[in-house]
Amino acid sequence: MTITKRPLLYLGAAVCTGLAGILHLMLVSGSINTHLEYATFFLVSGVAQIFWVIPMVKKWGRIWYIIGIAGTIVLVGLTGYVIVSIVENPESTPPGISEMAIAIEVFQVSYVILTGIIIARRG
């Protein structure tokens, strides 16, 4: 990979985590009245993911990337758990796994992959 294409990895990772954060924040309003714990989860994870755009764009370094990967892996698991919890709750509206949930998972996994490539290429 040439040096000119490397910034695209950082930008791609930043966009992925930022979009996942925005999508998490979009879920807050739909769950705040019925599932305050989920609304809190979506709010905290959304803000954290939007913040994480900064270390990626500013290229803060390996430790930040490792923390980002670890945190995002935890979020992938927790987001999956929340989705399953809502699906199993017959009062959830709408029941089932939404396109939004799938998009969040795709962006989070993409962030992990891109950031892993960044770490691998930096040595």
N, C-alpha and C. Protein backbone atom coordinates (compact mmCIF):
# COMPACT_ATOMS: atom_id res chain seq x y z
N MET A 1 0.84 -1.17 0.00
CA MET A 1 0.00 0.00 0.00
C MET A 1 0.89 1.24 0.00
N THR A 2 0.57 2.18 -0.83
CA THR A 2 1.37 3.39 -0.89
C THR A 2 1.03 4.31 0.26
N ILE A 3 1.94 5.22 0.53
CA ILE A 3 1.76 6.14 1.65
C ILE A 3 0.52 7.02 1.47
N THR A 4 0.14 7.32 0.23
CA THR A 4 -1.01 8.18 -0.01
C THR A 4 -2.33 7.50 0.33
N LYS A 5 -2.38 6.16 0.33
CA LYS A 5 -3.62 5.45 0.64
C LYS A 5 -3.79 5.18 2.13
N ARG A 6 -2.74 5.28 2.91
CA ARG A 6 -2.86 5.01 4.35
C ARG A 6 -3.82 5.94 5.07
N PRO A 7 -3.84 7.23 4.75
CA PRO A 7 -4.82 8.09 5.44
C PRO A 7 -6.26 7.64 5.22
N LEU A 8 -6.52 6.94 4.12
CA LEU A 8 -7.87 6.45 3.87
C LEU A 8 -8.28 5.40 4.90
N LEU A 9 -7.33 4.62 5.39
CA LEU A 9 -7.65 3.65 6.45
C LEU A 9 -8.11 4.37 7.71
N TYR A 10 -7.40 5.42 8.09
CA TYR A 10 -7.77 6.19 9.27
C TYR A 10 -9.13 6.85 9.07
N LEU A 11 -9.34 7.42 7.91
CA LEU A 11 -10.61 8.07 7.61
C LEU A 11 -11.75 7.04 7.59
N GLY A 12 -11.49 5.88 6.99
CA GLY A 12 -12.51 4.83 6.97
C GLY A 12 -12.88 4.36 8.36
N ALA A 13 -11.87 4.16 9.21
CA ALA A 13 -12.14 3.74 10.59
C ALA A 13 -12.91 4.82 11.34
N ALA A 14 -12.53 6.08 11.14
CA ALA A 14 -13.23 7.19 11.79
C ALA A 14 -14.68 7.27 11.34
N VAL A 15 -14.91 7.11 10.06
CA VAL A 15 -16.28 7.16 9.53
C VAL A 15 -17.11 6.01 10.10
N CYS A 16 -16.53 4.81 10.15
CA CYS A 16 -17.27 3.65 10.66
C CYS A 16 -17.68 3.83 12.12
N THR A 17 -16.74 4.26 12.96
CA THR A 17 -17.10 4.43 14.37
C THR A 17 -18.05 5.62 14.55
N GLY A 18 -17.86 6.66 13.76
CA GLY A 18 -18.75 7.81 13.85
C GLY A 18 -20.18 7.47 13.44
N LEU A 19 -20.32 6.73 12.35
CA LEU A 19 -21.67 6.33 11.92
C LEU A 19 -22.33 5.39 12.91
N ALA A 20 -21.57 4.46 13.47
CA ALA A 20 -22.13 3.58 14.49
C ALA A 20 -22.60 4.41 15.69
N GLY A 21 -21.82 5.41 16.06
CA GLY A 21 -22.20 6.29 17.17
C GLY A 21 -23.48 7.07 16.88
N ILE A 22 -23.57 7.61 15.68
CA ILE A 22 -24.78 8.35 15.30
C ILE A 22 -26.00 7.44 15.32
N LEU A 23 -25.85 6.24 14.80
CA LEU A 23 -26.97 5.30 14.79
C LEU A 23 -27.37 4.89 16.22
N HIS A 24 -26.37 4.72 17.09
CA HIS A 24 -26.70 4.44 18.50
C HIS A 24 -27.50 5.60 19.09
N LEU A 25 -27.09 6.83 18.82
CA LEU A 25 -27.81 7.98 19.36
C LEU A 25 -29.23 8.07 18.81
N MET A 26 -29.42 7.64 17.58
CA MET A 26 -30.76 7.66 17.00
C MET A 26 -31.71 6.69 17.71
N LEU A 27 -31.16 5.68 18.37
CA LEU A 27 -31.99 4.71 19.08
C LEU A 27 -32.41 5.18 20.48
N VAL A 28 -31.80 6.25 20.96
CA VAL A 28 -32.11 6.73 22.32
C VAL A 28 -33.57 7.13 22.44
N SER A 29 -34.06 7.93 21.52
CA SER A 29 -35.42 8.45 21.65
C SER A 29 -36.48 7.35 21.60
N GLY A 30 -36.23 6.30 20.84
CA GLY A 30 -37.20 5.22 20.74
C GLY A 30 -37.26 4.31 21.95
N SER A 31 -36.22 4.37 22.79
CA SER A 31 -36.20 3.46 23.93
C SER A 31 -36.24 4.17 25.28
N ILE A 32 -36.23 5.47 25.28
CA ILE A 32 -36.14 6.20 26.56
C ILE A 32 -37.39 6.04 27.43
N ASN A 33 -38.55 5.92 26.83
CA ASN A 33 -39.78 5.80 27.62
C ASN A 33 -40.02 4.39 28.15
N THR A 34 -39.62 3.38 27.39
CA THR A 34 -39.93 2.01 27.77
C THR A 34 -38.75 1.23 28.33
N HIS A 35 -37.55 1.56 27.89
CA HIS A 35 -36.35 0.83 28.31
C HIS A 35 -35.25 1.84 28.64
N LEU A 36 -35.33 2.43 29.80
CA LEU A 36 -34.36 3.46 30.18
C LEU A 36 -32.94 2.92 30.18
N GLU A 37 -32.75 1.67 30.58
CA GLU A 37 -31.40 1.09 30.61
C GLU A 37 -30.83 0.96 29.20
N TYR A 38 -31.68 0.64 28.22
CA TYR A 38 -31.20 0.57 26.84
C TYR A 38 -30.91 1.96 26.31
N ALA A 39 -31.77 2.91 26.64
CA ALA A 39 -31.55 4.30 26.21
C ALA A 39 -30.22 4.81 26.75
N THR A 40 -29.91 4.49 28.00
CA THR A 40 -28.63 4.89 28.60
C THR A 40 -27.47 4.23 27.86
N PHE A 41 -27.59 2.95 27.58
CA PHE A 41 -26.56 2.23 26.83
C PHE A 41 -26.34 2.88 25.47
N PHE A 42 -27.43 3.15 24.74
CA PHE A 42 -27.30 3.75 23.42
C PHE A 42 -26.67 5.14 23.50
N LEU A 43 -27.03 5.91 24.51
CA LEU A 43 -26.47 7.26 24.68
C LEU A 43 -24.98 7.21 24.97
N VAL A 44 -24.59 6.42 25.94
CA VAL A 44 -23.17 6.34 26.33
C VAL A 44 -22.33 5.77 25.18
N SER A 45 -22.80 4.69 24.57
CA SER A 45 -22.01 4.10 23.49
C SER A 45 -21.96 5.02 22.28
N GLY A 46 -23.04 5.71 21.98
CA GLY A 46 -23.04 6.65 20.86
C GLY A 46 -22.07 7.79 21.05
N VAL A 47 -22.08 8.37 22.23
CA VAL A 47 -21.15 9.48 22.52
C VAL A 47 -19.70 8.99 22.48
N ALA A 48 -19.45 7.81 23.05
CA ALA A 48 -18.09 7.27 23.04
C ALA A 48 -17.61 7.01 21.61
N GLN A 49 -18.47 6.47 20.78
CA GLN A 49 -18.06 6.18 19.41
C GLN A 49 -17.84 7.46 18.60
N ILE A 50 -18.66 8.45 18.82
CA ILE A 50 -18.44 9.72 18.13
C ILE A 50 -17.14 10.36 18.61
N PHE A 51 -16.86 10.28 19.91
CA PHE A 51 -15.58 10.78 20.42
C PHE A 51 -14.42 10.06 19.73
N TRP A 52 -14.58 8.76 19.49
CA TRP A 52 -13.47 7.95 18.98
C TRP A 52 -13.07 8.31 17.56
N VAL A 53 -13.85 9.17 16.92
CA VAL A 53 -13.45 9.69 15.61
C VAL A 53 -12.14 10.49 15.76
N ILE A 54 -12.02 11.22 16.87
CA ILE A 54 -10.85 12.09 17.08
C ILE A 54 -9.53 11.31 17.11
N PRO A 55 -9.39 10.25 17.93
CA PRO A 55 -8.12 9.51 17.91
C PRO A 55 -7.77 8.93 16.53
N MET A 56 -8.79 8.61 15.76
CA MET A 56 -8.52 8.03 14.44
C MET A 56 -8.07 9.12 13.46
N VAL A 57 -8.76 10.23 13.44
CA VAL A 57 -8.41 11.31 12.51
C VAL A 57 -7.07 11.94 12.89
N LYS A 58 -6.86 12.11 14.18
CA LYS A 58 -5.61 12.74 14.66
C LYS A 58 -4.45 11.75 14.77
N LYS A 59 -4.74 10.46 14.54
CA LYS A 59 -3.72 9.41 14.58
C LYS A 59 -2.96 9.42 15.92
N TRP A 60 -3.73 9.25 17.01
CA TRP A 60 -3.16 9.35 18.35
C TRP A 60 -2.22 8.20 18.70
N GLY A 61 -2.29 7.10 18.03
CA GLY A 61 -1.32 6.05 18.29
C GLY A 61 -1.91 4.71 18.67
N ARG A 62 -1.00 3.74 18.71
CA ARG A 62 -1.34 2.33 18.90
C ARG A 62 -2.20 2.05 20.14
N ILE A 63 -1.87 2.63 21.28
CA ILE A 63 -2.63 2.35 22.50
C ILE A 63 -4.10 2.79 22.34
N TRP A 64 -4.31 3.92 21.68
CA TRP A 64 -5.68 4.39 21.43
C TRP A 64 -6.41 3.45 20.49
N TYR A 65 -5.70 2.93 19.50
CA TYR A 65 -6.32 2.01 18.56
C TYR A 65 -6.69 0.70 19.24
N ILE A 66 -5.83 0.22 20.11
CA ILE A 66 -6.11 -1.02 20.84
C ILE A 66 -7.31 -0.83 21.77
N ILE A 67 -7.34 0.29 22.47
CA ILE A 67 -8.49 0.59 23.34
C ILE A 67 -9.77 0.68 22.50
N GLY A 68 -9.68 1.31 21.34
CA GLY A 68 -10.84 1.42 20.46
C GLY A 68 -11.34 0.07 19.98
N ILE A 69 -10.41 -0.79 19.60
CA ILE A 69 -10.79 -2.14 19.16
C ILE A 69 -11.44 -2.90 20.32
N ALA A 70 -10.81 -2.88 21.49
CA ALA A 70 -11.35 -3.61 22.65
C ALA A 70 -12.74 -3.08 23.01
N GLY A 71 -12.87 -1.77 23.07
CA GLY A 71 -14.17 -1.18 23.41
C GLY A 71 -15.24 -1.51 22.38
N THR A 72 -14.86 -1.49 21.13
CA THR A 72 -15.84 -1.79 20.07
C THR A 72 -16.23 -3.25 20.09
N ILE A 73 -15.29 -4.14 20.38
CA ILE A 73 -15.64 -5.56 20.50
C ILE A 73 -16.64 -5.76 21.63
N VAL A 74 -16.43 -5.07 22.75
CA VAL A 74 -17.39 -5.14 23.85
C VAL A 74 -18.74 -4.60 23.39
N LEU A 75 -18.74 -3.49 22.66
CA LEU A 75 -20.00 -2.93 22.17
C LEU A 75 -20.71 -3.87 21.20
N VAL A 76 -19.97 -4.56 20.36
CA VAL A 76 -20.58 -5.53 19.45
C VAL A 76 -21.34 -6.58 20.26
N GLY A 77 -20.69 -7.09 21.29
CA GLY A 77 -21.34 -8.09 22.15
C GLY A 77 -22.54 -7.52 22.89
N LEU A 78 -22.37 -6.34 23.46
CA LEU A 78 -23.47 -5.73 24.21
C LEU A 78 -24.62 -5.35 23.29
N THR A 79 -24.31 -4.82 22.12
CA THR A 79 -25.36 -4.46 21.17
C THR A 79 -26.13 -5.71 20.77
N GLY A 80 -25.42 -6.79 20.52
CA GLY A 80 -26.08 -8.06 20.21
C GLY A 80 -26.98 -8.51 21.34
N TYR A 81 -26.50 -8.37 22.58
CA TYR A 81 -27.29 -8.75 23.75
C TYR A 81 -28.56 -7.90 23.86
N VAL A 82 -28.40 -6.61 23.66
CA VAL A 82 -29.55 -5.69 23.75
C VAL A 82 -30.57 -6.04 22.67
N ILE A 83 -30.08 -6.29 21.46
CA ILE A 83 -30.99 -6.65 20.37
C ILE A 83 -31.76 -7.92 20.72
N VAL A 84 -31.07 -8.94 21.21
CA VAL A 84 -31.73 -10.19 21.59
C VAL A 84 -32.71 -9.94 22.72
N SER A 85 -32.36 -9.11 23.68
CA SER A 85 -33.26 -8.82 24.81
C SER A 85 -34.53 -8.14 24.33
N ILE A 86 -34.38 -7.21 23.40
CA ILE A 86 -35.56 -6.51 22.89
C ILE A 86 -36.41 -7.46 22.05
N VAL A 87 -35.76 -8.32 21.25
CA VAL A 87 -36.49 -9.28 20.42
C VAL A 87 -37.28 -10.25 21.30
N GLU A 88 -36.69 -10.69 22.41
CA GLU A 88 -37.37 -11.63 23.29
C GLU A 88 -38.48 -10.97 24.10
N ASN A 89 -38.47 -9.64 24.16
CA ASN A 89 -39.50 -8.91 24.89
C ASN A 89 -40.70 -8.72 23.96
N PRO A 90 -41.84 -9.35 24.26
CA PRO A 90 -42.99 -9.23 23.37
C PRO A 90 -43.55 -7.81 23.30
N GLU A 91 -43.18 -6.96 24.24
CA GLU A 91 -43.67 -5.58 24.22
C GLU A 91 -42.81 -4.67 23.35
N SER A 92 -41.68 -5.19 22.85
CA SER A 92 -40.82 -4.35 22.04
C SER A 92 -41.50 -4.02 20.72
N THR A 93 -41.29 -2.79 20.27
CA THR A 93 -41.92 -2.34 19.04
C THR A 93 -40.86 -1.74 18.14
N PRO A 94 -40.66 -2.19 16.94
CA PRO A 94 -41.22 -3.42 16.41
C PRO A 94 -40.40 -4.61 16.86
N PRO A 95 -41.01 -5.77 17.00
CA PRO A 95 -40.22 -6.94 17.38
C PRO A 95 -39.33 -7.36 16.21
N GLY A 96 -38.22 -7.94 16.51
CA GLY A 96 -37.32 -8.41 15.47
C GLY A 96 -36.07 -7.56 15.38
N ILE A 97 -35.14 -8.04 14.59
CA ILE A 97 -33.87 -7.35 14.41
C ILE A 97 -34.03 -6.36 13.27
N SER A 98 -33.75 -5.10 13.54
CA SER A 98 -33.98 -4.04 12.56
C SER A 98 -32.76 -3.85 11.66
N GLU A 99 -33.00 -3.15 10.57
CA GLU A 99 -31.91 -2.79 9.67
C GLU A 99 -30.90 -1.89 10.38
N MET A 100 -31.39 -1.06 11.29
CA MET A 100 -30.53 -0.17 12.05
C MET A 100 -29.54 -0.98 12.89
N ALA A 101 -30.04 -2.01 13.55
CA ALA A 101 -29.17 -2.85 14.39
C ALA A 101 -28.11 -3.55 13.54
N ILE A 102 -28.51 -4.03 12.39
CA ILE A 102 -27.55 -4.68 11.50
C ILE A 102 -26.50 -3.69 11.02
N ALA A 103 -26.94 -2.48 10.66
CA ALA A 103 -26.00 -1.45 10.20
C ALA A 103 -25.00 -1.10 11.30
N ILE A 104 -25.47 -0.97 12.53
CA ILE A 104 -24.58 -0.66 13.65
C ILE A 104 -23.52 -1.75 13.79
N GLU A 105 -23.95 -3.01 13.75
CA GLU A 105 -23.00 -4.11 13.88
C GLU A 105 -21.99 -4.10 12.73
N VAL A 106 -22.46 -3.85 11.51
CA VAL A 106 -21.56 -3.82 10.35
C VAL A 106 -20.53 -2.71 10.49
N PHE A 107 -20.96 -1.52 10.90
CA PHE A 107 -20.01 -0.41 11.08
C PHE A 107 -19.02 -0.70 12.20
N GLN A 108 -19.49 -1.30 13.28
CA GLN A 108 -18.59 -1.62 14.39
C GLN A 108 -17.55 -2.66 13.99
N VAL A 109 -17.97 -3.71 13.32
CA VAL A 109 -17.04 -4.74 12.88
C VAL A 109 -16.07 -4.17 11.84
N SER A 110 -16.56 -3.32 10.96
CA SER A 110 -15.69 -2.68 9.97
C SER A 110 -14.64 -1.82 10.65
N TYR A 111 -15.03 -1.10 11.70
CA TYR A 111 -14.07 -0.30 12.46
C TYR A 111 -12.97 -1.19 13.03
N VAL A 112 -13.35 -2.31 13.63
CA VAL A 112 -12.37 -3.23 14.22
C VAL A 112 -11.41 -3.73 13.15
N ILE A 113 -11.94 -4.11 12.00
CA ILE A 113 -11.08 -4.63 10.92
C ILE A 113 -10.13 -3.55 10.42
N LEU A 114 -10.65 -2.37 10.12
CA LEU A 114 -9.80 -1.29 9.61
C LEU A 114 -8.74 -0.88 10.62
N THR A 115 -9.11 -0.79 11.88
CA THR A 115 -8.15 -0.41 12.89
C THR A 115 -7.11 -1.51 13.10
N GLY A 116 -7.52 -2.75 12.99
CA GLY A 116 -6.58 -3.87 13.05
C GLY A 116 -5.56 -3.79 11.91
N ILE A 117 -6.02 -3.43 10.73
CA ILE A 117 -5.11 -3.26 9.59
C ILE A 117 -4.14 -2.11 9.86
N ILE A 118 -4.64 -1.03 10.42
CA ILE A 118 -3.76 0.10 10.76
C ILE A 118 -2.66 -0.34 11.71
N ILE A 119 -3.03 -1.06 12.76
CA ILE A 119 -2.05 -1.54 13.73
C ILE A 119 -1.04 -2.48 13.07
N ALA A 120 -1.53 -3.40 12.25
CA ALA A 120 -0.65 -4.36 11.58
C ALA A 120 0.34 -3.67 10.64
N ARG A 121 -0.09 -2.65 9.96
CA ARG A 121 0.77 -1.95 9.01
C ARG A 121 1.79 -1.04 9.68
N ARG A 122 1.46 -0.59 10.88
CA ARG A 122 2.38 0.30 11.60
C ARG A 122 3.49 -0.49 12.29
N GLY A 123 3.24 -1.79 12.45
CA GLY A 123 4.27 -2.64 13.07
C GLY A 123 4.30 -2.62 14.48
